[in-house]
Amino acid sequence: MAKTVKFEDALNELEACVRKIEHDELSIEDAFKVYESGVKNAARCQKALEQIENRIELLQKDANGAAATTETTQEQLKDQ
């Protein structure tokens, strides 16, 4: 199973990749490796945001009008 990375950690790594590509003089091979890492971190960020968005969409109002969440499993989120 893939290791779960926090959104903030993935975003920080993505920003570091951008800085390296913009400011370091890298060989084409090294630049590609940094780019590849950045793409993976961008995908991790996107997935985390999508999961949060799905949870927000599941917010419902209870009988008293107070906000309540519906618990979902990771499998339910994958099926959406």
PDB file of N, CA and C in Angstrom:
ATOM      1  N   MET A   1       0.847  -1.183   0.000  1.00  0.00           N
ATOM      2  CA  MET A   1       0.000   0.000   0.000  1.00  0.00           C
ATOM      3  C   MET A   1       0.895   1.249   0.000  1.00  0.00           C
ATOM      4  N   ALA A   2       0.496   2.235  -0.751  1.00  0.00           N
ATOM      5  CA  ALA A   2       1.267   3.476  -0.853  1.00  0.00           C
ATOM      6  C   ALA A   2       1.217   4.251   0.455  1.00  0.00           C
ATOM      7  N   LYS A   3       2.314   4.892   0.771  1.00  0.00           N
ATOM      8  CA  LYS A   3       2.400   5.708   1.979  1.00  0.00           C
ATOM      9  C   LYS A   3       1.563   6.970   1.787  1.00  0.00           C
ATOM     10  N   THR A   4       0.784   7.310   2.814  1.00  0.00           N
ATOM     11  CA  THR A   4      -0.032   8.511   2.764  1.00  0.00           C
ATOM     12  C   THR A   4       0.835   9.718   3.101  1.00  0.00           C
ATOM     13  N   VAL A   5       0.772  10.728   2.273  1.00  0.00           N
ATOM     14  CA  VAL A   5       1.544  11.943   2.473  1.00  0.00           C
ATOM     15  C   VAL A   5       0.575  13.067   2.798  1.00  0.00           C
ATOM     16  N   LYS A   6       0.911  13.850   3.806  1.00  0.00           N
ATOM     17  CA  LYS A   6       0.066  14.987   4.158  1.00  0.00           C
ATOM     18  C   LYS A   6       0.065  15.993   3.014  1.00  0.00           C
ATOM     19  N   PHE A   7      -1.076  16.663   2.837  1.00  0.00           N
ATOM     20  CA  PHE A   7      -1.211  17.673   1.791  1.00  0.00           C
ATOM     21  C   PHE A   7      -0.105  18.720   1.902  1.00  0.00           C
ATOM     22  N   GLU A   8       0.110  19.205   3.115  1.00  0.00           N
ATOM     23  CA  GLU A   8       1.091  20.267   3.322  1.00  0.00           C
ATOM     24  C   GLU A   8       2.501  19.811   2.949  1.00  0.00           C
ATOM     25  N   ASP A   9       2.821  18.555   3.275  1.00  0.00           N
ATOM     26  CA  ASP A   9       4.137  18.020   2.929  1.00  0.00           C
ATOM     27  C   ASP A   9       4.302  17.905   1.415  1.00  0.00           C
ATOM     28  N   ALA A  10       3.265  17.400   0.747  1.00  0.00           N
ATOM     29  CA  ALA A  10       3.321  17.270  -0.713  1.00  0.00           C
ATOM     30  C   ALA A  10       3.428  18.639  -1.372  1.00  0.00           C
ATOM     31  N   LEU A  11       2.698  19.617  -0.844  1.00  0.00           N
ATOM     32  CA  LEU A  11       2.751  20.971  -1.396  1.00  0.00           C
ATOM     33  C   LEU A  11       4.142  21.579  -1.203  1.00  0.00           C
ATOM     34  N   ASN A  12       4.722  21.388  -0.025  1.00  0.00           N
ATOM     35  CA  ASN A  12       6.071  21.899   0.225  1.00  0.00           C
ATOM     36  C   ASN A  12       7.089  21.262  -0.714  1.00  0.00           C
ATOM     37  N   GLU A  13       6.952  19.961  -0.935  1.00  0.00           N
ATOM     38  CA  GLU A  13       7.867  19.277  -1.854  1.00  0.00           C
ATOM     39  C   GLU A  13       7.667  19.769  -3.283  1.00  0.00           C
ATOM     40  N   LEU A  14       6.427  20.005  -3.663  1.00  0.00           N
ATOM     41  CA  LEU A  14       6.136  20.539  -4.997  1.00  0.00           C
ATOM     42  C   LEU A  14       6.770  21.912  -5.173  1.00  0.00           C
ATOM     43  N   GLU A  15       6.614  22.774  -4.168  1.00  0.00           N
ATOM     44  CA  GLU A  15       7.225  24.109  -4.232  1.00  0.00           C
ATOM     45  C   GLU A  15       8.744  24.028  -4.308  1.00  0.00           C
ATOM     46  N   ALA A  16       9.338  23.074  -3.593  1.00  0.00           N
ATOM     47  CA  ALA A  16      10.797  22.894  -3.649  1.00  0.00           C
ATOM     48  C   ALA A  16      11.228  22.469  -5.053  1.00  0.00           C
ATOM     49  N   CYS A  17      10.433  21.624  -5.694  1.00  0.00           N
ATOM     50  CA  CYS A  17      10.745  21.199  -7.064  1.00  0.00           C
ATOM     51  C   CYS A  17      10.719  22.395  -8.015  1.00  0.00           C
ATOM     52  N   VAL A  18       9.725  23.234  -7.863  1.00  0.00           N
ATOM     53  CA  VAL A  18       9.606  24.420  -8.723  1.00  0.00           C
ATOM     54  C   VAL A  18      10.823  25.330  -8.529  1.00  0.00           C
ATOM     55  N   ARG A  19      11.201  25.548  -7.264  1.00  0.00           N
ATOM     56  CA  ARG A  19      12.371  26.399  -6.990  1.00  0.00           C
ATOM     57  C   ARG A  19      13.635  25.815  -7.617  1.00  0.00           C
ATOM     58  N   LYS A  20      13.824  24.502  -7.506  1.00  0.00           N
ATOM     59  CA  LYS A  20      15.010  23.863  -8.088  1.00  0.00           C
ATOM     60  C   LYS A  20      15.058  24.064  -9.598  1.00  0.00           C
ATOM     61  N   ILE A  21      13.932  23.844 -10.236  1.00  0.00           N
ATOM     62  CA  ILE A  21      13.899  23.971 -11.699  1.00  0.00           C
ATOM     63  C   ILE A  21      14.117  25.417 -12.122  1.00  0.00           C
ATOM     64  N   GLU A  22      13.545  26.355 -11.366  1.00  0.00           N
ATOM     65  CA  GLU A  22      13.662  27.760 -11.735  1.00  0.00           C
ATOM     66  C   GLU A  22      15.043  28.348 -11.433  1.00  0.00           C
ATOM     67  N   HIS A  23      15.687  27.904 -10.351  1.00  0.00           N
ATOM     68  CA  HIS A  23      16.887  28.596  -9.892  1.00  0.00           C
ATOM     69  C   HIS A  23      18.180  27.790  -9.964  1.00  0.00           C
ATOM     70  N   ASP A  24      18.082  26.482 -10.045  1.00  0.00           N
ATOM     71  CA  ASP A  24      19.300  25.680 -10.100  1.00  0.00           C
ATOM     72  C   ASP A  24      19.656  25.390 -11.550  1.00  0.00           C
ATOM     73  N   GLU A  25      20.940  25.292 -11.787  1.00  0.00           N
ATOM     74  CA  GLU A  25      21.391  24.888 -13.111  1.00  0.00           C
ATOM     75  C   GLU A  25      21.507  23.375 -13.095  1.00  0.00           C
ATOM     76  N   LEU A  26      20.498  22.713 -13.629  1.00  0.00           N
ATOM     77  CA  LEU A  26      20.422  21.259 -13.608  1.00  0.00           C
ATOM     78  C   LEU A  26      20.674  20.697 -14.991  1.00  0.00           C
ATOM     79  N   SER A  27      21.238  19.503 -15.001  1.00  0.00           N
ATOM     80  CA  SER A  27      21.343  18.796 -16.275  1.00  0.00           C
ATOM     81  C   SER A  27      19.923  18.436 -16.710  1.00  0.00           C
ATOM     82  N   ILE A  28      19.756  18.102 -17.963  1.00  0.00           N
ATOM     83  CA  ILE A  28      18.432  17.765 -18.459  1.00  0.00           C
ATOM     84  C   ILE A  28      17.883  16.551 -17.713  1.00  0.00           C
ATOM     85  N   GLU A  29      18.747  15.588 -17.403  1.00  0.00           N
ATOM     86  CA  GLU A  29      18.315  14.394 -16.673  1.00  0.00           C
ATOM     87  C   GLU A  29      17.879  14.737 -15.252  1.00  0.00           C
ATOM     88  N   ASP A  30      18.662  15.568 -14.565  1.00  0.00           N
ATOM     89  CA  ASP A  30      18.297  15.975 -13.205  1.00  0.00           C
ATOM     90  C   ASP A  30      17.031  16.823 -13.205  1.00  0.00           C
ATOM     91  N   ALA A  31      16.894  17.694 -14.180  1.00  0.00           N
ATOM     92  CA  ALA A  31      15.690  18.521 -14.281  1.00  0.00           C
ATOM     93  C   ALA A  31      14.464  17.638 -14.496  1.00  0.00           C
ATOM     94  N   PHE A  32      14.620  16.604 -15.310  1.00  0.00           N
ATOM     95  CA  PHE A  32      13.502  15.693 -15.545  1.00  0.00           C
ATOM     96  C   PHE A  32      13.118  14.959 -14.270  1.00  0.00           C
ATOM     97  N   LYS A  33      14.098  14.520 -13.488  1.00  0.00           N
ATOM     98  CA  LYS A  33      13.820  13.825 -12.226  1.00  0.00           C
ATOM     99  C   LYS A  33      13.079  14.743 -11.253  1.00  0.00           C
ATOM    100  N   VAL A  34      13.496  15.988 -11.184  1.00  0.00           N
ATOM    101  CA  VAL A  34      12.828  16.955 -10.309  1.00  0.00           C
ATOM    102  C   VAL A  34      11.415  17.211 -10.826  1.00  0.00           C
ATOM    103  N   TYR A  35      11.266  17.350 -12.128  1.00  0.00           N
ATOM    104  CA  TYR A  35       9.944  17.555 -12.729  1.00  0.00           C
ATOM    105  C   TYR A  35       9.028  16.371 -12.424  1.00  0.00           C
ATOM    106  N   GLU A  36       9.548  15.169 -12.582  1.00  0.00           N
ATOM    107  CA  GLU A  36       8.775  13.956 -12.318  1.00  0.00           C
ATOM    108  C   GLU A  36       8.303  13.916 -10.856  1.00  0.00           C
ATOM    109  N   SER A  37       9.182  14.275  -9.950  1.00  0.00           N
ATOM    110  CA  SER A  37       8.824  14.341  -8.533  1.00  0.00           C
ATOM    111  C   SER A  37       7.736  15.385  -8.310  1.00  0.00           C
ATOM    112  N   GLY A  38       7.857  16.516  -8.979  1.00  0.00           N
ATOM    113  CA  GLY A  38       6.849  17.572  -8.863  1.00  0.00           C
ATOM    114  C   GLY A  38       5.488  17.122  -9.359  1.00  0.00           C
ATOM    115  N   VAL A  39       5.457  16.394 -10.454  1.00  0.00           N
ATOM    116  CA  VAL A  39       4.191  15.892 -10.998  1.00  0.00           C
ATOM    117  C   VAL A  39       3.538  14.934 -10.005  1.00  0.00           C
ATOM    118  N   LYS A  40       4.337  14.072  -9.391  1.00  0.00           N
ATOM    119  CA  LYS A  40       3.792  13.129  -8.398  1.00  0.00           C
ATOM    120  C   LYS A  40       3.231  13.878  -7.196  1.00  0.00           C
ATOM    121  N   ASN A  41       3.937  14.898  -6.742  1.00  0.00           N
ATOM    122  CA  ASN A  41       3.446  15.674  -5.606  1.00  0.00           C
ATOM    123  C   ASN A  41       2.202  16.477  -5.968  1.00  0.00           C
ATOM    124  N   ALA A  42       2.134  16.976  -7.182  1.00  0.00           N
ATOM    125  CA  ALA A  42       0.931  17.698  -7.631  1.00  0.00           C
ATOM    126  C   ALA A  42      -0.266  16.745  -7.632  1.00  0.00           C
ATOM    127  N   ALA A  43      -0.056  15.508  -8.057  1.00  0.00           N
ATOM    128  CA  ALA A  43      -1.132  14.515  -8.065  1.00  0.00           C
ATOM    129  C   ALA A  43      -1.578  14.197  -6.635  1.00  0.00           C
ATOM    130  N   ARG A  44      -0.627  14.106  -5.716  1.00  0.00           N
ATOM    131  CA  ARG A  44      -0.970  13.860  -4.312  1.00  0.00           C
ATOM    132  C   ARG A  44      -1.810  15.017  -3.759  1.00  0.00           C
ATOM    133  N   CYS A  45      -1.413  16.230  -4.084  1.00  0.00           N
ATOM    134  CA  CYS A  45      -2.175  17.404  -3.630  1.00  0.00           C
ATOM    135  C   CYS A  45      -3.583  17.373  -4.206  1.00  0.00           C
ATOM    136  N   GLN A  46      -3.704  17.084  -5.483  1.00  0.00           N
ATOM    137  CA  GLN A  46      -5.010  17.039  -6.145  1.00  0.00           C
ATOM    138  C   GLN A  46      -5.896  15.983  -5.502  1.00  0.00           C
ATOM    139  N   LYS A  47      -5.340  14.809  -5.229  1.00  0.00           N
ATOM    140  CA  LYS A  47      -6.119  13.732  -4.617  1.00  0.00           C
ATOM    141  C   LYS A  47      -6.601  14.139  -3.224  1.00  0.00           C
ATOM    142  N   ALA A  48      -5.728  14.758  -2.443  1.00  0.00           N
ATOM    143  CA  ALA A  48      -6.108  15.197  -1.099  1.00  0.00           C
ATOM    144  C   ALA A  48      -7.224  16.234  -1.170  1.00  0.00           C
ATOM    145  N   LEU A  49      -7.115  17.169  -2.101  1.00  0.00           N
ATOM    146  CA  LEU A  49      -8.154  18.189  -2.252  1.00  0.00           C
ATOM    147  C   LEU A  49      -9.476  17.580  -2.694  1.00  0.00           C
ATOM    148  N   GLU A  50      -9.425  16.602  -3.577  1.00  0.00           N
ATOM    149  CA  GLU A  50     -10.642  15.932  -4.024  1.00  0.00           C
ATOM    150  C   GLU A  50     -11.317  15.195  -2.872  1.00  0.00           C
ATOM    151  N   GLN A  51     -10.520  14.564  -2.013  1.00  0.00           N
ATOM    152  CA  GLN A  51     -11.088  13.862  -0.870  1.00  0.00           C
ATOM    153  C   GLN A  51     -11.770  14.835   0.085  1.00  0.00           C
ATOM    154  N   ILE A  52     -11.137  15.964   0.328  1.00  0.00           N
ATOM    155  CA  ILE A  52     -11.747  16.981   1.188  1.00  0.00           C
ATOM    156  C   ILE A  52     -13.024  17.514   0.551  1.00  0.00           C
ATOM    157  N   GLU A  53     -12.977  17.755  -0.739  1.00  0.00           N
ATOM    158  CA  GLU A  53     -14.162  18.243  -1.451  1.00  0.00           C
ATOM    159  C   GLU A  53     -15.312  17.247  -1.319  1.00  0.00           C
ATOM    160  N   ASN A  54     -15.016  15.965  -1.449  1.00  0.00           N
ATOM    161  CA  ASN A  54     -16.050  14.939  -1.302  1.00  0.00           C
ATOM    162  C   ASN A  54     -16.640  14.950   0.103  1.00  0.00           C
ATOM    163  N   ARG A  55     -15.808  15.139   1.094  1.00  0.00           N
ATOM    164  CA  ARG A  55     -16.295  15.187   2.471  1.00  0.00           C
ATOM    165  C   ARG A  55     -17.175  16.423   2.694  1.00  0.00           C
ATOM    166  N   ILE A  56     -16.776  17.535   2.103  1.00  0.00           N
ATOM    167  CA  ILE A  56     -17.578  18.756   2.239  1.00  0.00           C
ATOM    168  C   ILE A  56     -18.947  18.558   1.597  1.00  0.00           C
ATOM    169  N   GLU A  57     -18.969  17.905   0.439  1.00  0.00           N
ATOM    170  CA  GLU A  57     -20.236  17.665  -0.246  1.00  0.00           C
ATOM    171  C   GLU A  57     -21.165  16.779   0.568  1.00  0.00           C
ATOM    172  N   LEU A  58     -20.595  15.995   1.478  1.00  0.00           N
ATOM    173  CA  LEU A  58     -21.409  15.113   2.300  1.00  0.00           C
ATOM    174  C   LEU A  58     -21.985  15.799   3.538  1.00  0.00           C
ATOM    175  N   LEU A  59     -21.648  17.069   3.716  1.00  0.00           N
ATOM    176  CA  LEU A  59     -22.215  17.801   4.850  1.00  0.00           C
ATOM    177  C   LEU A  59     -23.732  17.886   4.682  1.00  0.00           C
ATOM    178  N   GLN A  60     -24.375  17.639   5.768  1.00  0.00           N
ATOM    179  CA  GLN A  60     -25.837  17.700   5.738  1.00  0.00           C
ATOM    180  C   GLN A  60     -26.318  18.442   6.971  1.00  0.00           C
ATOM    181  N   LYS A  61     -27.536  18.906   6.920  1.00  0.00           N
ATOM    182  CA  LYS A  61     -28.142  19.534   8.089  1.00  0.00           C
ATOM    183  C   LYS A  61     -28.981  18.486   8.801  1.00  0.00           C
ATOM    184  N   ASP A  62     -28.829  18.442  10.128  1.00  0.00           N
ATOM    185  CA  ASP A  62     -29.656  17.509  10.893  1.00  0.00           C
ATOM    186  C   ASP A  62     -31.031  18.124  11.150  1.00  0.00           C
ATOM    187  N   ALA A  63     -31.856  17.446  11.902  1.00  0.00           N
ATOM    188  CA  ALA A  63     -33.230  17.901  12.147  1.00  0.00           C
ATOM    189  C   ALA A  63     -33.291  19.267  12.817  1.00  0.00           C
ATOM    190  N   ASN A  64     -32.264  19.637  13.590  1.00  0.00           N
ATOM    191  CA  ASN A  64     -32.231  20.921  14.278  1.00  0.00           C
ATOM    192  C   ASN A  64     -31.598  22.023  13.435  1.00  0.00           C
ATOM    193  N   GLY A  65     -31.202  21.702  12.221  1.00  0.00           N
ATOM    194  CA  GLY A  65     -30.576  22.687  11.357  1.00  0.00           C
ATOM    195  C   GLY A  65     -29.082  22.837  11.561  1.00  0.00           C
ATOM    196  N   ALA A  66     -28.511  22.056  12.486  1.00  0.00           N
ATOM    197  CA  ALA A  66     -27.069  22.118  12.720  1.00  0.00           C
ATOM    198  C   ALA A  66     -26.357  21.267  11.682  1.00  0.00           C
ATOM    199  N   ALA A  67     -25.182  21.694  11.301  1.00  0.00           N
ATOM    200  CA  ALA A  67     -24.409  20.944  10.313  1.00  0.00           C
ATOM    201  C   ALA A  67     -23.930  19.634  10.925  1.00  0.00           C
ATOM    202  N   ALA A  68     -24.039  18.587  10.165  1.00  0.00           N
ATOM    203  CA  ALA A  68     -23.563  17.271  10.594  1.00  0.00           C
ATOM    204  C   ALA A  68     -22.872  16.625   9.401  1.00  0.00           C
ATOM    205  N   THR A  69     -21.900  15.812   9.666  1.00  0.00           N
ATOM    206  CA  THR A  69     -21.212  15.135   8.574  1.00  0.00           C
ATOM    207  C   THR A  69     -21.652  13.692   8.518  1.00  0.00           C
ATOM    208  N   THR A  70     -21.603  13.145   7.328  1.00  0.00           N
ATOM    209  CA  THR A  70     -21.844  11.734   7.135  1.00  0.00           C
ATOM    210  C   THR A  70     -20.488  11.089   6.989  1.00  0.00           C
ATOM    211  N   GLU A  71     -20.179  10.139   7.860  1.00  0.00           N
ATOM    212  CA  GLU A  71     -18.886   9.471   7.789  1.00  0.00           C
ATOM    213  C   GLU A  71     -18.836   8.602   6.537  1.00  0.00           C
ATOM    214  N   THR A  72     -17.728   8.637   5.855  1.00  0.00           N
ATOM    215  CA  THR A  72     -17.539   7.798   4.691  1.00  0.00           C
ATOM    216  C   THR A  72     -16.230   7.050   4.832  1.00  0.00           C
ATOM    217  N   THR A  73     -16.150   5.937   4.173  1.00  0.00           N
ATOM    218  CA  THR A  73     -14.915   5.163   4.182  1.00  0.00           C
ATOM    219  C   THR A  73     -14.090   5.543   2.970  1.00  0.00           C
ATOM    220  N   GLN A  74     -12.828   5.183   3.001  1.00  0.00           N
ATOM    221  CA  GLN A  74     -11.961   5.438   1.852  1.00  0.00           C
ATOM    222  C   GLN A  74     -12.489   4.725   0.612  1.00  0.00           C
ATOM    223  N   GLU A  75     -13.079   3.533   0.786  1.00  0.00           N
ATOM    224  CA  GLU A  75     -13.624   2.790  -0.350  1.00  0.00           C
ATOM    225  C   GLU A  75     -14.784   3.551  -0.991  1.00  0.00           C
ATOM    226  N   GLN A  76     -15.630   4.166  -0.174  1.00  0.00           N
ATOM    227  CA  GLN A  76     -16.737   4.945  -0.714  1.00  0.00           C
ATOM    228  C   GLN A  76     -16.216   6.138  -1.502  1.00  0.00           C
ATOM    229  N   LEU A  77     -15.156   6.768  -1.019  1.00  0.00           N
ATOM    230  CA  LEU A  77     -14.591   7.909  -1.719  1.00  0.00           C
ATOM    231  C   LEU A  77     -13.977   7.487  -3.043  1.00  0.00           C
ATOM    232  N   LYS A  78     -13.354   6.317  -3.084  1.00  0.00           N
ATOM    233  CA  LYS A  78     -12.744   5.821  -4.312  1.00  0.00           C
ATOM    234  C   LYS A  78     -13.804   5.556  -5.375  1.00  0.00           C
ATOM    235  N   ASP A  79     -14.998   5.117  -4.939  1.00  0.00           N
ATOM    236  CA  ASP A  79     -16.065   4.776  -5.884  1.00  0.00           C
ATOM    237  C   ASP A  79     -16.712   6.007  -6.495  1.00  0.00           C
ATOM    238  N   GLN A  80     -16.479   7.171  -5.916  1.00  0.00           N
ATOM    239  CA  GLN A  80     -17.135   8.386  -6.415  1.00  0.00           C
ATOM    240  C   GLN A  80     -16.424   8.944  -7.602  1.00  0.00           C
TER     241      GLN A  80
END
